[in-house]
Full PDB file with SEQRES, HELIX, SHEET, SSBOND, CRYST1, ORIGX, SCALE, CONECT and MASTER records, all heavy atoms in Angstrom:
SEQRES   1 A   37  PHE SER TYR VAL GLU PHE GLY LEU TYR PHE CYS TYR GLY          
SEQRES   2 A   37  VAL CYS LEU SER ALA GLY ARG MET HIS TRP MET PRO HIS          
SEQRES   3 A   37  LYS LYS LEU VAL LEU ALA LEU VAL SER SER LEU                  
HELIX    1 AA1 SER A    2  ALA A   18  1                                  17    
HELIX    2 AA2 ARG A   20  TRP A   23  1                                   4    
HELIX    3 AA3 MET A   24  HIS A   26  5                                   3    
HELIX    4 AA4 LYS A   27  SER A   36  1                                  10    
CRYST1    1.000    1.000    1.000  90.00  90.00  90.00 P 1           1          
ORIGX1      1.000000  0.000000  0.000000        0.00000                         
ORIGX2      0.000000  1.000000  0.000000        0.00000                         
ORIGX3      0.000000  0.000000  1.000000        0.00000                         
SCALE1      1.000000  0.000000  0.000000        0.00000                         
SCALE2      0.000000  1.000000  0.000000        0.00000                         
SCALE3      0.000000  0.000000  1.000000        0.00000                         
ATOM      1  N   PHE A   1      12.842   4.013  -0.726  1.00  0.00           N  
ATOM      2  CA  PHE A   1      11.685   4.284   0.153  1.00  0.00           C  
ATOM      3  C   PHE A   1      10.609   3.219   0.006  1.00  0.00           C  
ATOM      4  O   PHE A   1      10.047   2.728   0.982  1.00  0.00           O  
ATOM      5  CB  PHE A   1      11.093   5.653  -0.093  1.00  0.00           C  
ATOM      6  CG  PHE A   1       9.970   6.020   0.847  1.00  0.00           C  
ATOM      7  CD1 PHE A   1      10.230   6.492   2.094  1.00  0.00           C  
ATOM      8  CD2 PHE A   1       8.658   5.782   0.441  1.00  0.00           C  
ATOM      9  CE1 PHE A   1       9.181   6.827   2.949  1.00  0.00           C  
ATOM     10  CE2 PHE A   1       7.587   6.104   1.272  1.00  0.00           C  
ATOM     11  CZ  PHE A   1       7.877   6.641   2.553  1.00  0.00           C  
ATOM     12  N   SER A   2      10.318   2.841  -1.248  1.00  0.00           N  
ATOM     13  CA  SER A   2       9.242   1.789  -1.480  1.00  0.00           C  
ATOM     14  C   SER A   2       9.662   0.475  -0.854  1.00  0.00           C  
ATOM     15  O   SER A   2       8.793  -0.203  -0.295  1.00  0.00           O  
ATOM     16  CB  SER A   2       9.019   1.630  -2.974  1.00  0.00           C  
ATOM     17  OG  SER A   2       8.424   2.773  -3.548  1.00  0.00           O  
ATOM     18  N   TYR A   3      10.915   0.098  -1.009  1.00  0.00           N  
ATOM     19  CA  TYR A   3      11.364  -1.151  -0.402  1.00  0.00           C  
ATOM     20  C   TYR A   3      11.221  -1.101   1.135  1.00  0.00           C  
ATOM     21  O   TYR A   3      10.814  -2.088   1.732  1.00  0.00           O  
ATOM     22  CB  TYR A   3      12.840  -1.428  -0.766  1.00  0.00           C  
ATOM     23  CG  TYR A   3      13.001  -2.090  -2.122  1.00  0.00           C  
ATOM     24  CD1 TYR A   3      12.877  -1.373  -3.276  1.00  0.00           C  
ATOM     25  CD2 TYR A   3      13.244  -3.444  -2.231  1.00  0.00           C  
ATOM     26  CE1 TYR A   3      13.031  -1.984  -4.542  1.00  0.00           C  
ATOM     27  CE2 TYR A   3      13.415  -4.081  -3.475  1.00  0.00           C  
ATOM     28  CZ  TYR A   3      13.273  -3.310  -4.606  1.00  0.00           C  
ATOM     29  OH  TYR A   3      13.410  -3.902  -5.837  1.00  0.00           O  
ATOM     30  N   VAL A   4      11.555   0.050   1.696  1.00  0.00           N  
ATOM     31  CA  VAL A   4      11.484   0.177   3.149  1.00  0.00           C  
ATOM     32  C   VAL A   4      10.017   0.263   3.602  1.00  0.00           C  
ATOM     33  O   VAL A   4       9.595  -0.420   4.573  1.00  0.00           O  
ATOM     34  CB  VAL A   4      12.253   1.405   3.632  1.00  0.00           C  
ATOM     35  CG1 VAL A   4      12.042   1.620   5.120  1.00  0.00           C  
ATOM     36  CG2 VAL A   4      13.739   1.235   3.325  1.00  0.00           C  
ATOM     37  N   GLU A   5       9.228   1.107   2.926  1.00  0.00           N  
ATOM     38  CA  GLU A   5       7.825   1.319   3.335  1.00  0.00           C  
ATOM     39  C   GLU A   5       7.035   0.031   3.395  1.00  0.00           C  
ATOM     40  O   GLU A   5       6.457  -0.319   4.424  1.00  0.00           O  
ATOM     41  CB  GLU A   5       7.161   2.303   2.362  1.00  0.00           C  
ATOM     42  CG  GLU A   5       5.729   2.553   2.693  1.00  0.00           C  
ATOM     43  CD  GLU A   5       4.965   3.395   1.695  1.00  0.00           C  
ATOM     44  OE1 GLU A   5       5.582   3.562   0.570  1.00  0.00           O  
ATOM     45  OE2 GLU A   5       3.867   3.874   1.979  1.00  0.00           O  
ATOM     46  N   PHE A   6       7.065  -0.780   2.334  1.00  0.00           N  
ATOM     47  CA  PHE A   6       6.320  -1.979   2.320  1.00  0.00           C  
ATOM     48  C   PHE A   6       7.014  -3.106   3.069  1.00  0.00           C  
ATOM     49  O   PHE A   6       6.376  -4.006   3.600  1.00  0.00           O  
ATOM     50  CB  PHE A   6       5.975  -2.394   0.867  1.00  0.00           C  
ATOM     51  CG  PHE A   6       5.098  -1.360   0.215  1.00  0.00           C  
ATOM     52  CD1 PHE A   6       5.663  -0.500  -0.760  1.00  0.00           C  
ATOM     53  CD2 PHE A   6       3.787  -1.232   0.507  1.00  0.00           C  
ATOM     54  CE1 PHE A   6       4.872   0.468  -1.361  1.00  0.00           C  
ATOM     55  CE2 PHE A   6       3.003  -0.260  -0.089  1.00  0.00           C  
ATOM     56  CZ  PHE A   6       3.541   0.623  -1.020  1.00  0.00           C  
ATOM     57  N   GLY A   7       8.340  -3.059   3.080  1.00  0.00           N  
ATOM     58  CA  GLY A   7       9.129  -4.050   3.811  1.00  0.00           C  
ATOM     59  C   GLY A   7       8.818  -4.009   5.296  1.00  0.00           C  
ATOM     60  O   GLY A   7       8.871  -5.008   6.020  1.00  0.00           O  
ATOM     61  N   LEU A   8       8.553  -2.806   5.870  1.00  0.00           N  
ATOM     62  CA  LEU A   8       8.235  -2.700   7.275  1.00  0.00           C  
ATOM     63  C   LEU A   8       6.930  -3.428   7.611  1.00  0.00           C  
ATOM     64  O   LEU A   8       6.834  -3.972   8.737  1.00  0.00           O  
ATOM     65  CB  LEU A   8       8.108  -1.225   7.677  1.00  0.00           C  
ATOM     66  CG  LEU A   8       9.444  -0.456   7.691  1.00  0.00           C  
ATOM     67  CD1 LEU A   8       9.213   1.015   8.010  1.00  0.00           C  
ATOM     68  CD2 LEU A   8      10.444  -1.032   8.672  1.00  0.00           C  
ATOM     69  N   TYR A   9       5.998  -3.463   6.724  1.00  0.00           N  
ATOM     70  CA  TYR A   9       4.773  -4.228   6.936  1.00  0.00           C  
ATOM     71  C   TYR A   9       5.078  -5.728   6.886  1.00  0.00           C  
ATOM     72  O   TYR A   9       4.554  -6.544   7.688  1.00  0.00           O  
ATOM     73  CB  TYR A   9       3.694  -3.848   5.948  1.00  0.00           C  
ATOM     74  CG  TYR A   9       3.080  -2.522   6.279  1.00  0.00           C  
ATOM     75  CD1 TYR A   9       3.692  -1.346   5.871  1.00  0.00           C  
ATOM     76  CD2 TYR A   9       1.844  -2.458   6.900  1.00  0.00           C  
ATOM     77  CE1 TYR A   9       3.092  -0.097   6.202  1.00  0.00           C  
ATOM     78  CE2 TYR A   9       1.244  -1.224   7.237  1.00  0.00           C  
ATOM     79  CZ  TYR A   9       1.927  -0.059   6.876  1.00  0.00           C  
ATOM     80  OH  TYR A   9       1.359   1.159   7.195  1.00  0.00           O  
ATOM     81  N   PHE A  10       5.931  -6.106   5.951  1.00  0.00           N  
ATOM     82  CA  PHE A  10       6.337  -7.512   5.881  1.00  0.00           C  
ATOM     83  C   PHE A  10       7.089  -7.933   7.154  1.00  0.00           C  
ATOM     84  O   PHE A  10       6.753  -8.979   7.728  1.00  0.00           O  
ATOM     85  CB  PHE A  10       7.288  -7.711   4.681  1.00  0.00           C  
ATOM     86  CG  PHE A  10       7.796  -9.077   4.430  1.00  0.00           C  
ATOM     87  CD1 PHE A  10       7.078  -9.956   3.574  1.00  0.00           C  
ATOM     88  CD2 PHE A  10       8.922  -9.569   5.069  1.00  0.00           C  
ATOM     89  CE1 PHE A  10       7.552 -11.229   3.354  1.00  0.00           C  
ATOM     90  CE2 PHE A  10       9.423 -10.869   4.855  1.00  0.00           C  
ATOM     91  CZ  PHE A  10       8.698 -11.700   4.008  1.00  0.00           C  
ATOM     92  N   CYS A  11       7.991  -7.079   7.657  1.00  0.00           N  
ATOM     93  CA  CYS A  11       8.762  -7.403   8.832  1.00  0.00           C  
ATOM     94  C   CYS A  11       7.865  -7.476  10.070  1.00  0.00           C  
ATOM     95  O   CYS A  11       8.135  -8.277  10.982  1.00  0.00           O  
ATOM     96  CB  CYS A  11       9.864  -6.381   9.016  1.00  0.00           C  
ATOM     97  SG  CYS A  11      11.195  -6.476   7.785  1.00  0.00           S  
ATOM     98  N   TYR A  12       6.852  -6.636  10.100  1.00  0.00           N  
ATOM     99  CA  TYR A  12       5.901  -6.684  11.207  1.00  0.00           C  
ATOM    100  C   TYR A  12       5.223  -8.061  11.245  1.00  0.00           C  
ATOM    101  O   TYR A  12       5.101  -8.700  12.320  1.00  0.00           O  
ATOM    102  CB  TYR A  12       4.857  -5.574  11.035  1.00  0.00           C  
ATOM    103  CG  TYR A  12       4.009  -5.190  12.221  1.00  0.00           C  
ATOM    104  CD1 TYR A  12       3.728  -3.901  12.469  1.00  0.00           C  
ATOM    105  CD2 TYR A  12       3.499  -6.176  13.142  1.00  0.00           C  
ATOM    106  CE1 TYR A  12       2.931  -3.498  13.566  1.00  0.00           C  
ATOM    107  CE2 TYR A  12       2.735  -5.805  14.215  1.00  0.00           C  
ATOM    108  CZ  TYR A  12       2.430  -4.500  14.419  1.00  0.00           C  
ATOM    109  OH  TYR A  12       1.663  -4.103  15.490  1.00  0.00           O  
ATOM    110  N   GLY A  13       4.856  -8.538  10.064  1.00  0.00           N  
ATOM    111  CA  GLY A  13       4.243  -9.888   9.979  1.00  0.00           C  
ATOM    112  C   GLY A  13       5.190 -10.934  10.465  1.00  0.00           C  
ATOM    113  O   GLY A  13       4.813 -11.891  11.192  1.00  0.00           O  
ATOM    114  N   VAL A  14       6.470 -10.825  10.095  1.00  0.00           N  
ATOM    115  CA  VAL A  14       7.497 -11.753  10.560  1.00  0.00           C  
ATOM    116  C   VAL A  14       7.587 -11.739  12.087  1.00  0.00           C  
ATOM    117  O   VAL A  14       7.672 -12.748  12.778  1.00  0.00           O  
ATOM    118  CB  VAL A  14       8.873 -11.420   9.930  1.00  0.00           C  
ATOM    119  CG1 VAL A  14       9.990 -12.273  10.590  1.00  0.00           C  
ATOM    120  CG2 VAL A  14       8.824 -11.621   8.431  1.00  0.00           C  
ATOM    121  N   CYS A  15       7.564 -10.536  12.687  1.00  0.00           N  
ATOM    122  CA  CYS A  15       7.631 -10.378  14.108  1.00  0.00           C  
ATOM    123  C   CYS A  15       6.470 -10.988  14.825  1.00  0.00           C  
ATOM    124  O   CYS A  15       6.570 -11.632  15.879  1.00  0.00           O  
ATOM    125  CB  CYS A  15       7.714  -8.877  14.475  1.00  0.00           C  
ATOM    126  SG  CYS A  15       9.296  -8.135  14.040  1.00  0.00           S  
ATOM    127  N   LEU A  16       5.286 -10.883  14.212  1.00  0.00           N  
ATOM    128  CA  LEU A  16       4.097 -11.488  14.830  1.00  0.00           C  
ATOM    129  C   LEU A  16       4.180 -13.030  14.794  1.00  0.00           C  
ATOM    130  O   LEU A  16       3.691 -13.707  15.701  1.00  0.00           O  
ATOM    131  CB  LEU A  16       2.839 -11.043  14.070  1.00  0.00           C  
ATOM    132  CG  LEU A  16       2.466  -9.609  14.272  1.00  0.00           C  
ATOM    133  CD1 LEU A  16       1.303  -9.188  13.377  1.00  0.00           C  
ATOM    134  CD2 LEU A  16       2.048  -9.339  15.727  1.00  0.00           C  
ATOM    135  N   SER A  17       4.838 -13.551  13.785  1.00  0.00           N  
ATOM    136  CA  SER A  17       5.097 -14.988  13.801  1.00  0.00           C  
ATOM    137  C   SER A  17       6.112 -15.375  14.882  1.00  0.00           C  
ATOM    138  O   SER A  17       5.919 -16.347  15.586  1.00  0.00           O  
ATOM    139  CB  SER A  17       5.640 -15.422  12.398  1.00  0.00           C  
ATOM    140  OG  SER A  17       6.084 -16.793  12.441  1.00  0.00           O  
ATOM    141  N   ALA A  18       7.182 -14.552  14.971  1.00  0.00           N  
ATOM    142  CA  ALA A  18       8.241 -14.888  15.971  1.00  0.00           C  
ATOM    143  C   ALA A  18       7.703 -14.869  17.402  1.00  0.00           C  
ATOM    144  O   ALA A  18       8.073 -15.620  18.220  1.00  0.00           O  
ATOM    145  CB  ALA A  18       9.377 -13.894  15.768  1.00  0.00           C  
ATOM    146  N   GLY A  19       6.808 -13.915  17.657  1.00  0.00           N  
ATOM    147  CA  GLY A  19       6.310 -13.765  19.034  1.00  0.00           C  
ATOM    148  C   GLY A  19       4.918 -14.321  19.255  1.00  0.00           C  
ATOM    149  O   GLY A  19       4.200 -13.957  20.204  1.00  0.00           O  
ATOM    150  N   ARG A  20       4.479 -15.212  18.342  1.00  0.00           N  
ATOM    151  CA  ARG A  20       3.067 -15.675  18.380  1.00  0.00           C  
ATOM    152  C   ARG A  20       2.659 -16.263  19.679  1.00  0.00           C  
ATOM    153  O   ARG A  20       1.585 -15.994  20.176  1.00  0.00           O  
ATOM    154  CB  ARG A  20       2.927 -16.665  17.221  1.00  0.00           C  
ATOM    155  CG  ARG A  20       1.471 -17.226  17.120  1.00  0.00           C  
ATOM    156  CD  ARG A  20       1.315 -18.008  15.882  1.00  0.00           C  
ATOM    157  NE  ARG A  20      -0.026 -18.569  15.818  1.00  0.00           N  
ATOM    158  CZ  ARG A  20      -0.607 -19.073  14.746  1.00  0.00           C  
ATOM    159  NH1 ARG A  20       0.097 -19.124  13.643  1.00  0.00           N  
ATOM    160  NH2 ARG A  20      -1.821 -19.588  14.794  1.00  0.00           N  
ATOM    161  N   MET A  21       3.493 -17.077  20.299  1.00  0.00           N  
ATOM    162  CA  MET A  21       3.092 -17.718  21.539  1.00  0.00           C  
ATOM    163  C   MET A  21       2.989 -16.727  22.664  1.00  0.00           C  
ATOM    164  O   MET A  21       2.373 -17.052  23.725  1.00  0.00           O  
ATOM    165  CB  MET A  21       3.990 -18.861  21.912  1.00  0.00           C  
ATOM    166  CG  MET A  21       5.397 -18.487  22.363  1.00  0.00           C  
ATOM    167  SD  MET A  21       6.312 -19.970  22.941  1.00  0.00           S  
ATOM    168  CE  MET A  21       5.356 -20.442  24.369  1.00  0.00           C  
ATOM    169  N   HIS A  22       3.507 -15.481  22.457  1.00  0.00           N  
ATOM    170  CA  HIS A  22       3.465 -14.490  23.525  1.00  0.00           C  
ATOM    171  C   HIS A  22       2.240 -13.592  23.395  1.00  0.00           C  
ATOM    172  O   HIS A  22       1.598 -13.271  24.378  1.00  0.00           O  
ATOM    173  CB  HIS A  22       4.713 -13.644  23.510  1.00  0.00           C  
ATOM    174  CG  HIS A  22       5.982 -14.440  23.741  1.00  0.00           C  
ATOM    175  ND1 HIS A  22       6.288 -15.035  24.915  1.00  0.00           N  
ATOM    176  CD2 HIS A  22       7.027 -14.705  22.870  1.00  0.00           C  
ATOM    177  CE1 HIS A  22       7.422 -15.720  24.795  1.00  0.00           C  
ATOM    178  NE2 HIS A  22       7.919 -15.472  23.575  1.00  0.00           N  
ATOM    179  N   TRP A  23       1.907 -13.218  22.135  1.00  0.00           N  
ATOM    180  CA  TRP A  23       0.766 -12.263  21.964  1.00  0.00           C  
ATOM    181  C   TRP A  23      -0.579 -13.008  21.768  1.00  0.00           C  
ATOM    182  O   TRP A  23      -1.617 -12.467  22.129  1.00  0.00           O  
ATOM    183  CB  TRP A  23       0.995 -11.301  20.841  1.00  0.00           C  
ATOM    184  CG  TRP A  23       1.070 -11.876  19.432  1.00  0.00           C  
ATOM    185  CD1 TRP A  23       2.209 -12.210  18.730  1.00  0.00           C  
ATOM    186  CD2 TRP A  23      -0.024 -12.126  18.590  1.00  0.00           C  
ATOM    187  NE1 TRP A  23       1.889 -12.701  17.501  1.00  0.00           N  
ATOM    188  CE2 TRP A  23       0.534 -12.649  17.343  1.00  0.00           C  
ATOM    189  CE3 TRP A  23      -1.410 -12.016  18.626  1.00  0.00           C  
ATOM    190  CZ2 TRP A  23      -0.270 -13.013  16.251  1.00  0.00           C  
ATOM    191  CZ3 TRP A  23      -2.208 -12.353  17.590  1.00  0.00           C  
ATOM    192  CH2 TRP A  23      -1.644 -12.858  16.400  1.00  0.00           C  
ATOM    193  N   MET A  24      -0.570 -14.161  21.215  1.00  0.00           N  
ATOM    194  CA  MET A  24      -1.821 -14.874  20.923  1.00  0.00           C  
ATOM    195  C   MET A  24      -2.671 -15.096  22.179  1.00  0.00           C  
ATOM    196  O   MET A  24      -3.900 -14.892  22.145  1.00  0.00           O  
ATOM    197  CB  MET A  24      -1.579 -16.214  20.235  1.00  0.00           C  
ATOM    198  CG  MET A  24      -1.609 -16.144  18.710  1.00  0.00           C  
ATOM    199  SD  MET A  24      -3.304 -15.986  18.127  1.00  0.00           S  
ATOM    200  CE  MET A  24      -3.063 -16.237  16.381  1.00  0.00           C  
ATOM    201  N   PRO A  25      -2.102 -15.505  23.296  1.00  0.00           N  
ATOM    202  CA  PRO A  25      -2.971 -15.699  24.500  1.00  0.00           C  
ATOM    203  C   PRO A  25      -3.521 -14.387  25.055  1.00  0.00           C  
ATOM    204  O   PRO A  25      -4.446 -14.371  25.907  1.00  0.00           O  
ATOM    205  CB  PRO A  25      -1.990 -16.347  25.526  1.00  0.00           C  
ATOM    206  CG  PRO A  25      -0.865 -16.871  24.671  1.00  0.00           C  
ATOM    207  CD  PRO A  25      -0.728 -15.948  23.534  1.00  0.00           C  
ATOM    208  N   HIS A  26      -2.957 -13.231  24.622  1.00  0.00           N  
ATOM    209  CA  HIS A  26      -3.376 -11.970  25.142  1.00  0.00           C  
ATOM    210  C   HIS A  26      -3.776 -10.998  24.011  1.00  0.00           C  
ATOM    211  O   HIS A  26      -3.510  -9.818  24.061  1.00  0.00           O  
ATOM    212  CB  HIS A  26      -2.213 -11.339  26.008  1.00  0.00           C  
ATOM    213  CG  HIS A  26      -1.589 -12.307  26.934  1.00  0.00           C  
ATOM    214  ND1 HIS A  26      -2.218 -12.711  28.103  1.00  0.00           N  
ATOM    215  CD2 HIS A  26      -0.385 -12.890  26.895  1.00  0.00           C  
ATOM    216  CE1 HIS A  26      -1.423 -13.549  28.735  1.00  0.00           C  
ATOM    217  NE2 HIS A  26      -0.320 -13.700  28.066  1.00  0.00           N  
ATOM    218  N   LYS A  27      -4.421 -11.536  22.983  1.00  0.00           N  
ATOM    219  CA  LYS A  27      -4.616 -10.774  21.775  1.00  0.00           C  
ATOM    220  C   LYS A  27      -5.481  -9.527  21.972  1.00  0.00           C  
ATOM    221  O   LYS A  27      -5.246  -8.506  21.307  1.00  0.00           O  
ATOM    222  CB  LYS A  27      -5.173 -11.678  20.676  1.00  0.00           C  
ATOM    223  CG  LYS A  27      -6.339 -12.513  21.045  1.00  0.00           C  
ATOM    224  CD  LYS A  27      -6.593 -13.554  19.922  1.00  0.00           C  
ATOM    225  CE  LYS A  27      -7.726 -14.490  20.330  1.00  0.00           C  
ATOM    226  NZ  LYS A  27      -7.887 -15.549  19.312  1.00  0.00           N  
ATOM    227  N   LYS A  28      -6.479  -9.584  22.853  1.00  0.00           N  
ATOM    228  CA  LYS A  28      -7.308  -8.415  23.066  1.00  0.00           C  
ATOM    229  C   LYS A  28      -6.505  -7.338  23.776  1.00  0.00           C  
ATOM    230  O   LYS A  28      -6.672  -6.088  23.468  1.00  0.00           O  
ATOM    231  CB  LYS A  28      -8.534  -8.784  23.878  1.00  0.00           C  
ATOM    232  CG  LYS A  28      -9.507  -9.637  23.101  1.00  0.00           C  
ATOM    233  CD  LYS A  28     -10.770  -9.935  23.960  1.00  0.00           C  
ATOM    234  CE  LYS A  28     -11.735 -10.793  23.140  1.00  0.00           C  
ATOM    235  NZ  LYS A  28     -12.979 -11.126  23.938  1.00  0.00           N  
ATOM    236  N   LEU A  29      -5.687  -7.712  24.736  1.00  0.00           N  
ATOM    237  CA  LEU A  29      -4.881  -6.766  25.452  1.00  0.00           C  
ATOM    238  C   LEU A  29      -3.851  -6.078  24.530  1.00  0.00           C  
ATOM    239  O   LEU A  29      -3.653  -4.878  24.527  1.00  0.00           O  
ATOM    240  CB  LEU A  29      -4.136  -7.418  26.595  1.00  0.00           C  
ATOM    241  CG  LEU A  29      -3.164  -6.573  27.434  1.00  0.00           C  
ATOM    242  CD1 LEU A  29      -3.938  -5.426  28.067  1.00  0.00           C  
ATOM    243  CD2 LEU A  29      -2.431  -7.408  28.451  1.00  0.00           C  
ATOM    244  N   VAL A  30      -3.279  -6.878  23.655  1.00  0.00           N  
ATOM    245  CA  VAL A  30      -2.316  -6.375  22.681  1.00  0.00           C  
ATOM    246  C   VAL A  30      -2.990  -5.451  21.668  1.00  0.00           C  
ATOM    247  O   VAL A  30      -2.485  -4.427  21.244  1.00  0.00           O  
ATOM    248  CB  VAL A  30      -1.565  -7.497  21.940  1.00  0.00           C  
ATOM    249  CG1 VAL A  30      -0.637  -6.994  20.886  1.00  0.00           C  
ATOM    250  CG2 VAL A  30      -0.757  -8.387  22.960  1.00  0.00           C  
ATOM    251  N   LEU A  31      -4.237  -5.812  21.277  1.00  0.00           N  
ATOM    252  CA  LEU A  31      -5.003  -4.949  20.374  1.00  0.00           C  
ATOM    253  C   LEU A  31      -5.246  -3.588  21.009  1.00  0.00           C  
ATOM    254  O   LEU A  31      -5.107  -2.544  20.341  1.00  0.00           O  
ATOM    255  CB  LEU A  31      -6.330  -5.616  20.016  1.00  0.00           C  
ATOM    256  CG  LEU A  31      -7.252  -4.814  19.105  1.00  0.00           C  
ATOM    257  CD1 LEU A  31      -6.562  -4.550  17.725  1.00  0.00           C  
ATOM    258  CD2 LEU A  31      -8.556  -5.564  18.911  1.00  0.00           C  
ATOM    259  N   ALA A  32      -5.583  -3.608  22.298  1.00  0.00           N  
ATOM    260  CA  ALA A  32      -5.807  -2.296  22.966  1.00  0.00           C  
ATOM    261  C   ALA A  32      -4.502  -1.518  23.046  1.00  0.00           C  
ATOM    262  O   ALA A  32      -4.541  -0.294  22.873  1.00  0.00           O  
ATOM    263  CB  ALA A  32      -6.331  -2.575  24.383  1.00  0.00           C  
ATOM    264  N   LEU A  33      -3.407  -2.221  23.226  1.00  0.00           N  
ATOM    265  CA  LEU A  33      -2.118  -1.495  23.334  1.00  0.00           C  
ATOM    266  C   LEU A  33      -1.736  -0.881  21.961  1.00  0.00           C  
ATOM    267  O   LEU A  33      -1.361   0.284  21.923  1.00  0.00           O  
ATOM    268  CB  LEU A  33      -1.016  -2.513  23.746  1.00  0.00           C  
ATOM    269  CG  LEU A  33       0.406  -1.928  23.789  1.00  0.00           C  
ATOM    270  CD1 LEU A  33       0.551  -0.776  24.747  1.00  0.00           C  
ATOM    271  CD2 LEU A  33       1.408  -3.101  24.177  1.00  0.00           C  
ATOM    272  N   VAL A  34      -1.813  -1.629  20.895  1.00  0.00           N  
ATOM    273  CA  VAL A  34      -1.411  -1.118  19.590  1.00  0.00           C  
ATOM    274  C   VAL A  34      -2.369  -0.001  19.161  1.00  0.00           C  
ATOM    275  O   VAL A  34      -2.002   0.956  18.461  1.00  0.00           O  
ATOM    276  CB  VAL A  34      -1.293  -2.198  18.496  1.00  0.00           C  
ATOM    277  CG1 VAL A  34      -0.175  -3.183  18.873  1.00  0.00           C  
ATOM    278  CG2 VAL A  34      -2.592  -2.891  18.245  1.00  0.00           C  
ATOM    279  N   SER A  35      -3.648  -0.142  19.526  1.00  0.00           N  
ATOM    280  CA  SER A  35      -4.628   0.899  19.213  1.00  0.00           C  
ATOM    281  C   SER A  35      -4.273   2.207  19.928  1.00  0.00           C  
ATOM    282  O   SER A  35      -4.353   3.291  19.312  1.00  0.00           O  
ATOM    283  CB  SER A  35      -6.043   0.443  19.579  1.00  0.00           C  
ATOM    284  OG  SER A  35      -6.413  -0.681  18.874  1.00  0.00           O  
ATOM    285  N   SER A  36      -3.902   2.085  21.188  1.00  0.00           N  
ATOM    286  CA  SER A  36      -3.527   3.237  21.966  1.00  0.00           C  
ATOM    287  C   SER A  36      -2.262   3.923  21.376  1.00  0.00           C  
ATOM    288  O   SER A  36      -2.220   5.137  21.289  1.00  0.00           O  
ATOM    289  CB  SER A  36      -3.286   2.855  23.416  1.00  0.00           C  
ATOM    290  OG  SER A  36      -4.429   2.283  23.998  1.00  0.00           O  
ATOM    291  N   LEU A  37      -1.313   3.124  21.020  1.00  0.00           N  
ATOM    292  CA  LEU A  37      -0.112   3.635  20.390  1.00  0.00           C  
ATOM    293  C   LEU A  37      -0.413   4.384  19.055  1.00  0.00           C  
ATOM    294  O   LEU A  37       0.135   5.431  18.774  1.00  0.00           O  
ATOM    295  CB  LEU A  37       0.931   2.570  20.157  1.00  0.00           C  
ATOM    296  CG  LEU A  37       1.710   2.058  21.406  1.00  0.00           C  
ATOM    297  CD1 LEU A  37       2.501   0.807  21.046  1.00  0.00           C  
ATOM    298  CD2 LEU A  37       2.576   3.136  21.980  1.00  0.00           C  
TER     299      LEU A  37                                                      
MASTER        0    0    0    4    0    0    0    6  298    1    0    3          
END                                                                             
């Protein structure tokens, strides 16, 4: 569980790097979306 729990935060960071050119230009919109979720 500990490997998975903290690993999911690590993987989220990896995903933000992978999709950086997609979310960075719309960061406020994405912030509103993740906040709503």
